[in-house]
Amino acid sequence: RIVEPGVFDYQSKDYLVRMRAWGVTFPNRGQPGFEEAIAFTEEQLLDRNLTIELRAEFDRQNLKVVDIFTGPEKVNFSRIAFLHMITKPGAKSFVS
């Protein structure tokens, strides 16, 4: 389930864990670009084979911060979002 751009719930066998993509910032609800960012996140993450690498156990919002790689090619979600300019205007990517 996509909660907001770059934030999603991951259901493991025993737990539901909320995770946030590392290295990018997306527009908030009501800001220009929000709808595009949520659609991009859904397109990239729902019903896809994901590889998740933990970056931080929890952030200030109690979310696990993760690098997300999609598909067999292991494409970095944050990098693709930044390259497609889906991120918040003026945001800097920490993903190389």
PDB file of N, CA and C in Angstrom:
ATOM      1  N   ARG A   1       0.855  -1.177   0.000  1.00  0.00           N
ATOM      2  CA  ARG A   1       0.000   0.000   0.000  1.00  0.00           C
ATOM      3  C   ARG A   1       0.898   1.237   0.000  1.00  0.00           C
ATOM      4  N   ILE A   2       0.606   2.167  -0.918  1.00  0.00           N
ATOM      5  CA  ILE A   2       1.328   3.432  -0.975  1.00  0.00           C
ATOM      6  C   ILE A   2       0.598   4.416  -0.059  1.00  0.00           C
ATOM      7  N   VAL A   3       1.315   4.983   0.890  1.00  0.00           N
ATOM      8  CA  VAL A   3       0.731   5.904   1.858  1.00  0.00           C
ATOM      9  C   VAL A   3       0.804   7.332   1.321  1.00  0.00           C
ATOM     10  N   GLU A   4       1.944   7.684   0.783  1.00  0.00           N
ATOM     11  CA  GLU A   4       2.197   8.983   0.157  1.00  0.00           C
ATOM     12  C   GLU A   4       3.414   8.785  -0.739  1.00  0.00           C
ATOM     13  N   PRO A   5       3.753   9.757  -1.574  1.00  0.00           N
ATOM     14  CA  PRO A   5       4.904   9.545  -2.450  1.00  0.00           C
ATOM     15  C   PRO A   5       6.161   9.158  -1.665  1.00  0.00           C
ATOM     16  N   GLY A   6       6.739   8.023  -2.050  1.00  0.00           N
ATOM     17  CA  GLY A   6       7.967   7.561  -1.406  1.00  0.00           C
ATOM     18  C   GLY A   6       7.774   6.850  -0.083  1.00  0.00           C
ATOM     19  N   VAL A   7       6.533   6.723   0.389  1.00  0.00           N
ATOM     20  CA  VAL A   7       6.250   6.041   1.665  1.00  0.00           C
ATOM     21  C   VAL A   7       5.258   4.916   1.390  1.00  0.00           C
ATOM     22  N   PHE A   8       5.595   3.730   1.883  1.00  0.00           N
ATOM     23  CA  PHE A   8       4.734   2.579   1.613  1.00  0.00           C
ATOM     24  C   PHE A   8       4.751   1.624   2.801  1.00  0.00           C
ATOM     25  N   ASP A   9       3.719   0.794   2.863  1.00  0.00           N
ATOM     26  CA  ASP A   9       3.635  -0.251   3.875  1.00  0.00           C
ATOM     27  C   ASP A   9       4.120  -1.553   3.268  1.00  0.00           C
ATOM     28  N   TYR A  10       4.912  -2.272   4.045  1.00  0.00           N
ATOM     29  CA  TYR A  10       5.435  -3.567   3.628  1.00  0.00           C
ATOM     30  C   TYR A  10       4.904  -4.613   4.601  1.00  0.00           C
ATOM     31  N   GLN A  11       4.238  -5.612   4.077  1.00  0.00           N
ATOM     32  CA  GLN A  11       3.686  -6.673   4.912  1.00  0.00           C
ATOM     33  C   GLN A  11       4.631  -7.864   4.897  1.00  0.00           C
ATOM     34  N   SER A  12       5.266  -8.120   6.039  1.00  0.00           N
ATOM     35  CA  SER A  12       6.074  -9.329   6.166  1.00  0.00           C
ATOM     36  C   SER A  12       5.161 -10.425   6.720  1.00  0.00           C
ATOM     37  N   LYS A  13       5.716 -11.559   7.002  1.00  0.00           N
ATOM     38  CA  LYS A  13       4.910 -12.657   7.545  1.00  0.00           C
ATOM     39  C   LYS A  13       4.249 -12.258   8.859  1.00  0.00           C
ATOM     40  N   ASP A  14       4.983 -11.534   9.704  1.00  0.00           N
ATOM     41  CA  ASP A  14       4.484 -11.231  11.044  1.00  0.00           C
ATOM     42  C   ASP A  14       4.125  -9.776  11.290  1.00  0.00           C
ATOM     43  N   TYR A  15       4.646  -8.854  10.484  1.00  0.00           N
ATOM     44  CA  TYR A  15       4.502  -7.432  10.792  1.00  0.00           C
ATOM     45  C   TYR A  15       4.129  -6.619   9.565  1.00  0.00           C
ATOM     46  N   LEU A  16       3.495  -5.481   9.827  1.00  0.00           N
ATOM     47  CA  LEU A  16       3.293  -4.456   8.819  1.00  0.00           C
ATOM     48  C   LEU A  16       4.273  -3.339   9.155  1.00  0.00           C
ATOM     49  N   VAL A  17       5.160  -3.015   8.212  1.00  0.00           N
ATOM     50  CA  VAL A  17       6.219  -2.039   8.461  1.00  0.00           C
ATOM     51  C   VAL A  17       6.065  -0.888   7.468  1.00  0.00           C
ATOM     52  N   ARG A  18       6.060   0.335   7.970  1.00  0.00           N
ATOM     53  CA  ARG A  18       6.002   1.517   7.100  1.00  0.00           C
ATOM     54  C   ARG A  18       7.429   1.940   6.776  1.00  0.00           C
ATOM     55  N   MET A  19       7.687   2.140   5.479  1.00  0.00           N
ATOM     56  CA  MET A  19       9.028   2.465   5.012  1.00  0.00           C
ATOM     57  C   MET A  19       9.006   3.729   4.163  1.00  0.00           C
ATOM     58  N   ARG A  20      10.156   4.411   4.130  1.00  0.00           N
ATOM     59  CA  ARG A  20      10.315   5.631   3.346  1.00  0.00           C
ATOM     60  C   ARG A  20      11.560   5.496   2.470  1.00  0.00           C
ATOM     61  N   ALA A  21      11.424   5.947   1.222  1.00  0.00           N
ATOM     62  CA  ALA A  21      12.555   5.918   0.292  1.00  0.00           C
ATOM     63  C   ALA A  21      13.635   6.882   0.756  1.00  0.00           C
ATOM     64  N   TRP A  22      14.858   6.427   0.750  1.00  0.00           N
ATOM     65  CA  TRP A  22      16.012   7.227   1.166  1.00  0.00           C
ATOM     66  C   TRP A  22      16.458   8.120   0.021  1.00  0.00           C
ATOM     67  N   GLY A  23      16.877   9.336   0.359  1.00  0.00           N
ATOM     68  CA  GLY A  23      17.594  10.180  -0.582  1.00  0.00           C
ATOM     69  C   GLY A  23      16.773  11.136  -1.409  1.00  0.00           C
ATOM     70  N   VAL A  24      15.445  11.142  -1.274  1.00  0.00           N
ATOM     71  CA  VAL A  24      14.613  12.053  -2.057  1.00  0.00           C
ATOM     72  C   VAL A  24      13.502  12.632  -1.189  1.00  0.00           C
ATOM     73  N   THR A  25      13.007  13.789  -1.611  1.00  0.00           N
ATOM     74  CA  THR A  25      11.880  14.432  -0.952  1.00  0.00           C
ATOM     75  C   THR A  25      10.812  14.676  -2.005  1.00  0.00           C
ATOM     76  N   PHE A  26       9.586  14.334  -1.684  1.00  0.00           N
ATOM     77  CA  PHE A  26       8.484  14.495  -2.623  1.00  0.00           C
ATOM     78  C   PHE A  26       7.558  15.613  -2.169  1.00  0.00           C
ATOM     79  N   PRO A  27       6.752  16.171  -3.101  1.00  0.00           N
ATOM     80  CA  PRO A  27       5.773  17.191  -2.711  1.00  0.00           C
ATOM     81  C   PRO A  27       4.757  16.609  -1.722  1.00  0.00           C
ATOM     82  N   ASN A  28       4.290  17.448  -0.820  1.00  0.00           N
ATOM     83  CA  ASN A  28       3.254  17.048   0.130  1.00  0.00           C
ATOM     84  C   ASN A  28       1.882  17.176  -0.521  1.00  0.00           C
ATOM     85  N   ARG A  29       0.894  16.528   0.083  1.00  0.00           N
ATOM     86  CA  ARG A  29      -0.486  16.639  -0.405  1.00  0.00           C
ATOM     87  C   ARG A  29      -0.858  18.120  -0.517  1.00  0.00           C
ATOM     88  N   GLY A  30      -1.467  18.489  -1.630  1.00  0.00           N
ATOM     89  CA  GLY A  30      -1.870  19.868  -1.855  1.00  0.00           C
ATOM     90  C   GLY A  30      -0.821  20.714  -2.563  1.00  0.00           C
ATOM     91  N   GLN A  31       0.412  20.223  -2.633  1.00  0.00           N
ATOM     92  CA  GLN A  31       1.465  20.959  -3.333  1.00  0.00           C
ATOM     93  C   GLN A  31       1.503  20.542  -4.800  1.00  0.00           C
ATOM     94  N   PRO A  32       1.960  21.453  -5.671  1.00  0.00           N
ATOM     95  CA  PRO A  32       2.113  21.078  -7.083  1.00  0.00           C
ATOM     96  C   PRO A  32       3.022  19.851  -7.216  1.00  0.00           C
ATOM     97  N   GLY A  33       2.611  18.920  -8.051  1.00  0.00           N
ATOM     98  CA  GLY A  33       3.406  17.723  -8.295  1.00  0.00           C
ATOM     99  C   GLY A  33       3.047  16.538  -7.425  1.00  0.00           C
ATOM    100  N   PHE A  34       2.179  16.737  -6.427  1.00  0.00           N
ATOM    101  CA  PHE A  34       1.832  15.630  -5.526  1.00  0.00           C
ATOM    102  C   PHE A  34       1.183  14.484  -6.291  1.00  0.00           C
ATOM    103  N   GLU A  35       0.194  14.789  -7.117  1.00  0.00           N
ATOM    104  CA  GLU A  35      -0.530  13.733  -7.840  1.00  0.00           C
ATOM    105  C   GLU A  35       0.412  12.944  -8.743  1.00  0.00           C
ATOM    106  N   GLU A  36       1.316  13.635  -9.417  1.00  0.00           N
ATOM    107  CA  GLU A  36       2.286  12.956 -10.272  1.00  0.00           C
ATOM    108  C   GLU A  36       3.221  12.076  -9.448  1.00  0.00           C
ATOM    109  N   ALA A  37       3.613  12.573  -8.287  1.00  0.00           N
ATOM    110  CA  ALA A  37       4.528  11.817  -7.416  1.00  0.00           C
ATOM    111  C   ALA A  37       3.864  10.561  -6.866  1.00  0.00           C
ATOM    112  N   ILE A  38       2.594  10.664  -6.476  1.00  0.00           N
ATOM    113  CA  ILE A  38       1.910   9.481  -5.949  1.00  0.00           C
ATOM    114  C   ILE A  38       1.693   8.458  -7.071  1.00  0.00           C
ATOM    115  N   ALA A  39       1.330   8.943  -8.267  1.00  0.00           N
ATOM    116  CA  ALA A  39       1.142   8.032  -9.403  1.00  0.00           C
ATOM    117  C   ALA A  39       2.464   7.345  -9.769  1.00  0.00           C
ATOM    118  N   PHE A  40       3.556   8.101  -9.751  1.00  0.00           N
ATOM    119  CA  PHE A  40       4.873   7.539 -10.052  1.00  0.00           C
ATOM    120  C   PHE A  40       5.234   6.461  -9.025  1.00  0.00           C
ATOM    121  N   THR A  41       5.014   6.754  -7.746  1.00  0.00           N
ATOM    122  CA  THR A  41       5.327   5.789  -6.692  1.00  0.00           C
ATOM    123  C   THR A  41       4.508   4.519  -6.863  1.00  0.00           C
ATOM    124  N   GLU A  42       3.226   4.662  -7.139  1.00  0.00           N
ATOM    125  CA  GLU A  42       2.373   3.486  -7.350  1.00  0.00           C
ATOM    126  C   GLU A  42       2.853   2.672  -8.541  1.00  0.00           C
ATOM    127  N   GLU A  43       3.161   3.350  -9.629  1.00  0.00           N
ATOM    128  CA  GLU A  43       3.620   2.672 -10.843  1.00  0.00           C
ATOM    129  C   GLU A  43       4.926   1.910 -10.599  1.00  0.00           C
ATOM    130  N   GLN A  44       5.816   2.509  -9.848  1.00  0.00           N
ATOM    131  CA  GLN A  44       7.131   1.914  -9.626  1.00  0.00           C
ATOM    132  C   GLN A  44       7.146   0.807  -8.571  1.00  0.00           C
ATOM    133  N   LEU A  45       6.261   0.904  -7.572  1.00  0.00           N
ATOM    134  CA  LEU A  45       6.384   0.000  -6.429  1.00  0.00           C
ATOM    135  C   LEU A  45       5.295  -1.054  -6.288  1.00  0.00           C
ATOM    136  N   LEU A  46       4.083  -0.778  -6.755  1.00  0.00           N
ATOM    137  CA  LEU A  46       3.013  -1.752  -6.562  1.00  0.00           C
ATOM    138  C   LEU A  46       3.164  -2.934  -7.507  1.00  0.00           C
ATOM    139  N   ASP A  47       2.945  -4.114  -6.974  1.00  0.00           N
ATOM    140  CA  ASP A  47       2.998  -5.347  -7.760  1.00  0.00           C
ATOM    141  C   ASP A  47       4.304  -5.524  -8.511  1.00  0.00           C
ATOM    142  N   ARG A  48       5.400  -5.128  -7.871  1.00  0.00           N
ATOM    143  CA  ARG A  48       6.721  -5.271  -8.477  1.00  0.00           C
ATOM    144  C   ARG A  48       7.607  -6.090  -7.552  1.00  0.00           C
ATOM    145  N   ASN A  49       8.617  -6.703  -8.129  1.00  0.00           N
ATOM    146  CA  ASN A  49       9.648  -7.367  -7.338  1.00  0.00           C
ATOM    147  C   ASN A  49      10.573  -6.299  -6.791  1.00  0.00           C
ATOM    148  N   LEU A  50      10.626  -6.146  -5.482  1.00  0.00           N
ATOM    149  CA  LEU A  50      11.455  -5.115  -4.870  1.00  0.00           C
ATOM    150  C   LEU A  50      12.588  -5.744  -4.074  1.00  0.00           C
ATOM    151  N   THR A  51      13.721  -5.069  -4.100  1.00  0.00           N
ATOM    152  CA  THR A  51      14.821  -5.384  -3.195  1.00  0.00           C
ATOM    153  C   THR A  51      14.960  -4.170  -2.295  1.00  0.00           C
ATOM    154  N   ILE A  52      14.968  -4.419  -0.996  1.00  0.00           N
ATOM    155  CA  ILE A  52      14.996  -3.325  -0.022  1.00  0.00           C
ATOM    156  C   ILE A  52      16.262  -3.447   0.815  1.00  0.00           C
ATOM    157  N   GLU A  53      16.989  -2.328   0.909  1.00  0.00           N
ATOM    158  CA  GLU A  53      18.191  -2.279   1.752  1.00  0.00           C
ATOM    159  C   GLU A  53      17.987  -1.200   2.805  1.00  0.00           C
ATOM    160  N   LEU A  54      18.137  -1.576   4.057  1.00  0.00           N
ATOM    161  CA  LEU A  54      17.920  -0.660   5.171  1.00  0.00           C
ATOM    162  C   LEU A  54      19.023   0.391   5.232  1.00  0.00           C
ATOM    163  N   ARG A  55      18.614   1.669   5.344  1.00  0.00           N
ATOM    164  CA  ARG A  55      19.546   2.782   5.509  1.00  0.00           C
ATOM    165  C   ARG A  55      19.539   3.294   6.940  1.00  0.00           C
ATOM    166  N   ALA A  56      18.364   3.328   7.548  1.00  0.00           N
ATOM    167  CA  ALA A  56      18.234   3.780   8.939  1.00  0.00           C
ATOM    168  C   ALA A  56      17.086   3.018   9.577  1.00  0.00           C
ATOM    169  N   GLU A  57      17.323   2.554  10.796  1.00  0.00           N
ATOM    170  CA  GLU A  57      16.307   1.758  11.489  1.00  0.00           C
ATOM    171  C   GLU A  57      14.990   2.522  11.584  1.00  0.00           C
ATOM    172  N   PHE A  58      15.032   3.777  12.039  1.00  0.00           N
ATOM    173  CA  PHE A  58      13.837   4.621  12.110  1.00  0.00           C
ATOM    174  C   PHE A  58      14.235   6.078  11.962  1.00  0.00           C
ATOM    175  N   ASP A  59      13.377   6.869  11.298  1.00  0.00           N
ATOM    176  CA  ASP A  59      13.598   8.301  11.224  1.00  0.00           C
ATOM    177  C   ASP A  59      12.748   8.992  12.290  1.00  0.00           C
ATOM    178  N   ARG A  60      12.644  10.309  12.236  1.00  0.00           N
ATOM    179  CA  ARG A  60      11.882  11.063  13.243  1.00  0.00           C
ATOM    180  C   ARG A  60      10.395  10.754  13.210  1.00  0.00           C
ATOM    181  N   GLN A  61       9.917  10.246  12.090  1.00  0.00           N
ATOM    182  CA  GLN A  61       8.501   9.898  11.962  1.00  0.00           C
ATOM    183  C   GLN A  61       8.255   8.415  12.223  1.00  0.00           C
ATOM    184  N   ASN A  62       9.269   7.740  12.745  1.00  0.00           N
ATOM    185  CA  ASN A  62       9.191   6.312  13.065  1.00  0.00           C
ATOM    186  C   ASN A  62       9.023   5.437  11.813  1.00  0.00           C
ATOM    187  N   LEU A  63       9.599   5.888  10.710  1.00  0.00           N
ATOM    188  CA  LEU A  63       9.587   5.119   9.471  1.00  0.00           C
ATOM    189  C   LEU A  63      10.959   4.502   9.245  1.00  0.00           C
ATOM    190  N   LYS A  64      10.978   3.285   8.746  1.00  0.00           N
ATOM    191  CA  LYS A  64      12.252   2.700   8.329  1.00  0.00           C
ATOM    192  C   LYS A  64      12.669   3.409   7.045  1.00  0.00           C
ATOM    193  N   VAL A  65      13.930   3.773   6.944  1.00  0.00           N
ATOM    194  CA  VAL A  65      14.441   4.467   5.766  1.00  0.00           C
ATOM    195  C   VAL A  65      15.212   3.448   4.936  1.00  0.00           C
ATOM    196  N   VAL A  66      14.801   3.297   3.670  1.00  0.00           N
ATOM    197  CA  VAL A  66      15.338   2.218   2.844  1.00  0.00           C
ATOM    198  C   VAL A  66      15.706   2.691   1.446  1.00  0.00           C
ATOM    199  N   ASP A  67      16.677   2.011   0.867  1.00  0.00           N
ATOM    200  CA  ASP A  67      16.930   2.091  -0.566  1.00  0.00           C
ATOM    201  C   ASP A  67      16.021   1.051  -1.194  1.00  0.00           C
ATOM    202  N   ILE A  68      15.382   1.417  -2.281  1.00  0.00           N
ATOM    203  CA  ILE A  68      14.445   0.510  -2.955  1.00  0.00           C
ATOM    204  C   ILE A  68      14.962   0.276  -4.370  1.00  0.00           C
ATOM    205  N   PHE A  69      15.063  -0.982  -4.728  1.00  0.00           N
ATOM    206  CA  PHE A  69      15.489  -1.362  -6.069  1.00  0.00           C
ATOM    207  C   PHE A  69      14.376  -2.190  -6.694  1.00  0.00           C
ATOM    208  N   THR A  70      14.017  -1.863  -7.947  1.00  0.00           N
ATOM    209  CA  THR A  70      12.893  -2.533  -8.592  1.00  0.00           C
ATOM    210  C   THR A  70      13.354  -3.459  -9.698  1.00  0.00           C
ATOM    211  N   GLY A  71      12.615  -4.539  -9.847  1.00  0.00           N
ATOM    212  CA  GLY A  71      12.816  -5.476 -10.938  1.00  0.00           C
ATOM    213  C   GLY A  71      14.122  -6.227 -10.898  1.00  0.00           C
ATOM    214  N   PRO A  72      14.294  -7.105 -11.864  1.00  0.00           N
ATOM    215  CA  PRO A  72      15.523  -7.906 -11.932  1.00  0.00           C
ATOM    216  C   PRO A  72      16.763  -7.059 -12.208  1.00  0.00           C
ATOM    217  N   GLU A  73      16.552  -5.869 -12.812  1.00  0.00           N
ATOM    218  CA  GLU A  73      17.682  -4.987 -13.097  1.00  0.00           C
ATOM    219  C   GLU A  73      18.130  -4.217 -11.858  1.00  0.00           C
ATOM    220  N   LYS A  74      17.327  -4.261 -10.792  1.00  0.00           N
ATOM    221  CA  LYS A  74      17.604  -3.557  -9.534  1.00  0.00           C
ATOM    222  C   LYS A  74      17.817  -2.062  -9.773  1.00  0.00           C
ATOM    223  N   VAL A  75      16.817  -1.430 -10.376  1.00  0.00           N
ATOM    224  CA  VAL A  75      16.833   0.001 -10.647  1.00  0.00           C
ATOM    225  C   VAL A  75      16.512   0.742  -9.356  1.00  0.00           C
ATOM    226  N   ASN A  76      17.326   1.747  -9.018  1.00  0.00           N
ATOM    227  CA  ASN A  76      17.137   2.489  -7.777  1.00  0.00           C
ATOM    228  C   ASN A  76      15.955   3.454  -7.913  1.00  0.00           C
ATOM    229  N   PHE A  77      14.920   3.244  -7.092  1.00  0.00           N
ATOM    230  CA  PHE A  77      13.699   4.044  -7.126  1.00  0.00           C
ATOM    231  C   PHE A  77      13.979   5.535  -6.917  1.00  0.00           C
ATOM    232  N   SER A  78      14.781   5.882  -5.937  1.00  0.00           N
ATOM    233  CA  SER A  78      15.051   7.284  -5.634  1.00  0.00           C
ATOM    234  C   SER A  78      15.772   7.975  -6.783  1.00  0.00           C
ATOM    235  N   ARG A  79      16.702   7.283  -7.376  1.00  0.00           N
ATOM    236  CA  ARG A  79      17.439   7.860  -8.506  1.00  0.00           C
ATOM    237  C   ARG A  79      16.515   8.113  -9.685  1.00  0.00           C
ATOM    238  N   ILE A  80      15.663   7.157  -9.996  1.00  0.00           N
ATOM    239  CA  ILE A  80      14.722   7.318 -11.106  1.00  0.00           C
ATOM    240  C   ILE A  80      13.759   8.467 -10.821  1.00  0.00           C
ATOM    241  N   ALA A  81      13.263   8.584  -9.586  1.00  0.00           N
ATOM    242  CA  ALA A  81      12.363   9.682  -9.223  1.00  0.00           C
ATOM    243  C   ALA A  81      13.054  11.022  -9.424  1.00  0.00           C
ATOM    244  N   PHE A  82      14.287  11.105  -8.995  1.00  0.00           N
ATOM    245  CA  PHE A  82      15.032  12.358  -9.128  1.00  0.00           C
ATOM    246  C   PHE A  82      15.290  12.684 -10.598  1.00  0.00           C
ATOM    247  N   LEU A  83      15.679  11.693 -11.372  1.00  0.00           N
ATOM    248  CA  LEU A  83      15.963  11.916 -12.788  1.00  0.00           C
ATOM    249  C   LEU A  83      14.715  12.304 -13.571  1.00  0.00           C
ATOM    250  N   HIS A  84      13.551  11.800 -13.137  1.00  0.00           N
ATOM    251  CA  HIS A  84      12.295  12.141 -13.799  1.00  0.00           C
ATOM    252  C   HIS A  84      11.669  13.408 -13.211  1.00  0.00           C
ATOM    253  N   MET A  85      12.384  14.054 -12.306  1.00  0.00           N
ATOM    254  CA  MET A  85      11.943  15.300 -11.678  1.00  0.00           C
ATOM    255  C   MET A  85      10.592  15.147 -10.995  1.00  0.00           C
ATOM    256  N   ILE A  86      10.382  13.999 -10.358  1.00  0.00           N
ATOM    257  CA  ILE A  86       9.164  13.739  -9.609  1.00  0.00           C
ATOM    258  C   ILE A  86       9.322  14.265  -8.184  1.00  0.00           C
ATOM    259  N   THR A  87      10.534  14.579  -7.802  1.00  0.00           N
ATOM    260  CA  THR A  87      10.818  15.008  -6.433  1.00  0.00           C
ATOM    261  C   THR A  87      10.406  16.450  -6.205  1.00  0.00           C
ATOM    262  N   LYS A  88      10.447  16.856  -4.960  1.00  0.00           N
ATOM    263  CA  LYS A  88      10.068  18.216  -4.568  1.00  0.00           C
ATOM    264  C   LYS A  88      10.988  19.230  -5.253  1.00  0.00           C
ATOM    265  N   PRO A  89      10.421  20.322  -5.801  1.00  0.00           N
ATOM    266  CA  PRO A  89      11.269  21.331  -6.440  1.00  0.00           C
ATOM    267  C   PRO A  89      12.349  21.835  -5.491  1.00  0.00           C
ATOM    268  N   GLY A  90      13.567  21.904  -5.999  1.00  0.00           N
ATOM    269  CA  GLY A  90      14.688  22.376  -5.192  1.00  0.00           C
ATOM    270  C   GLY A  90      15.325  21.294  -4.351  1.00  0.00           C
ATOM    271  N   ALA A  91      14.745  20.097  -4.337  1.00  0.00           N
ATOM    272  CA  ALA A  91      15.306  18.996  -3.537  1.00  0.00           C
ATOM    273  C   ALA A  91      16.607  18.536  -4.166  1.00  0.00           C
ATOM    274  N   LYS A  92      17.521  18.123  -3.329  1.00  0.00           N
ATOM    275  CA  LYS A  92      18.787  17.576  -3.800  1.00  0.00           C
ATOM    276  C   LYS A  92      18.783  16.079  -3.566  1.00  0.00           C
ATOM    277  N   SER A  93      19.260  15.341  -4.524  1.00  0.00           N
ATOM    278  CA  SER A  93      19.326  13.898  -4.386  1.00  0.00           C
ATOM    279  C   SER A  93      20.621  13.518  -3.670  1.00  0.00           C
ATOM    280  N   PHE A  94      20.526  12.539  -2.793  1.00  0.00           N
ATOM    281  CA  PHE A  94      21.696  11.991  -2.125  1.00  0.00           C
ATOM    282  C   PHE A  94      22.059  10.657  -2.758  1.00  0.00           C
ATOM    283  N   VAL A  95      21.371  10.316  -3.820  1.00  0.00           N
ATOM    284  CA  VAL A  95      21.570   9.032  -4.463  1.00  0.00           C
ATOM    285  C   VAL A  95      22.460   9.229  -5.671  1.00  0.00           C
ATOM    286  N   SER A  96      23.493   8.414  -5.773  1.00  0.00           N
ATOM    287  CA  SER A  96      24.388   8.539  -6.929  1.00  0.00           C
ATOM    288  C   SER A  96      24.123   7.439  -7.916  1.00  0.00           C
TER     289      SER A  96
END
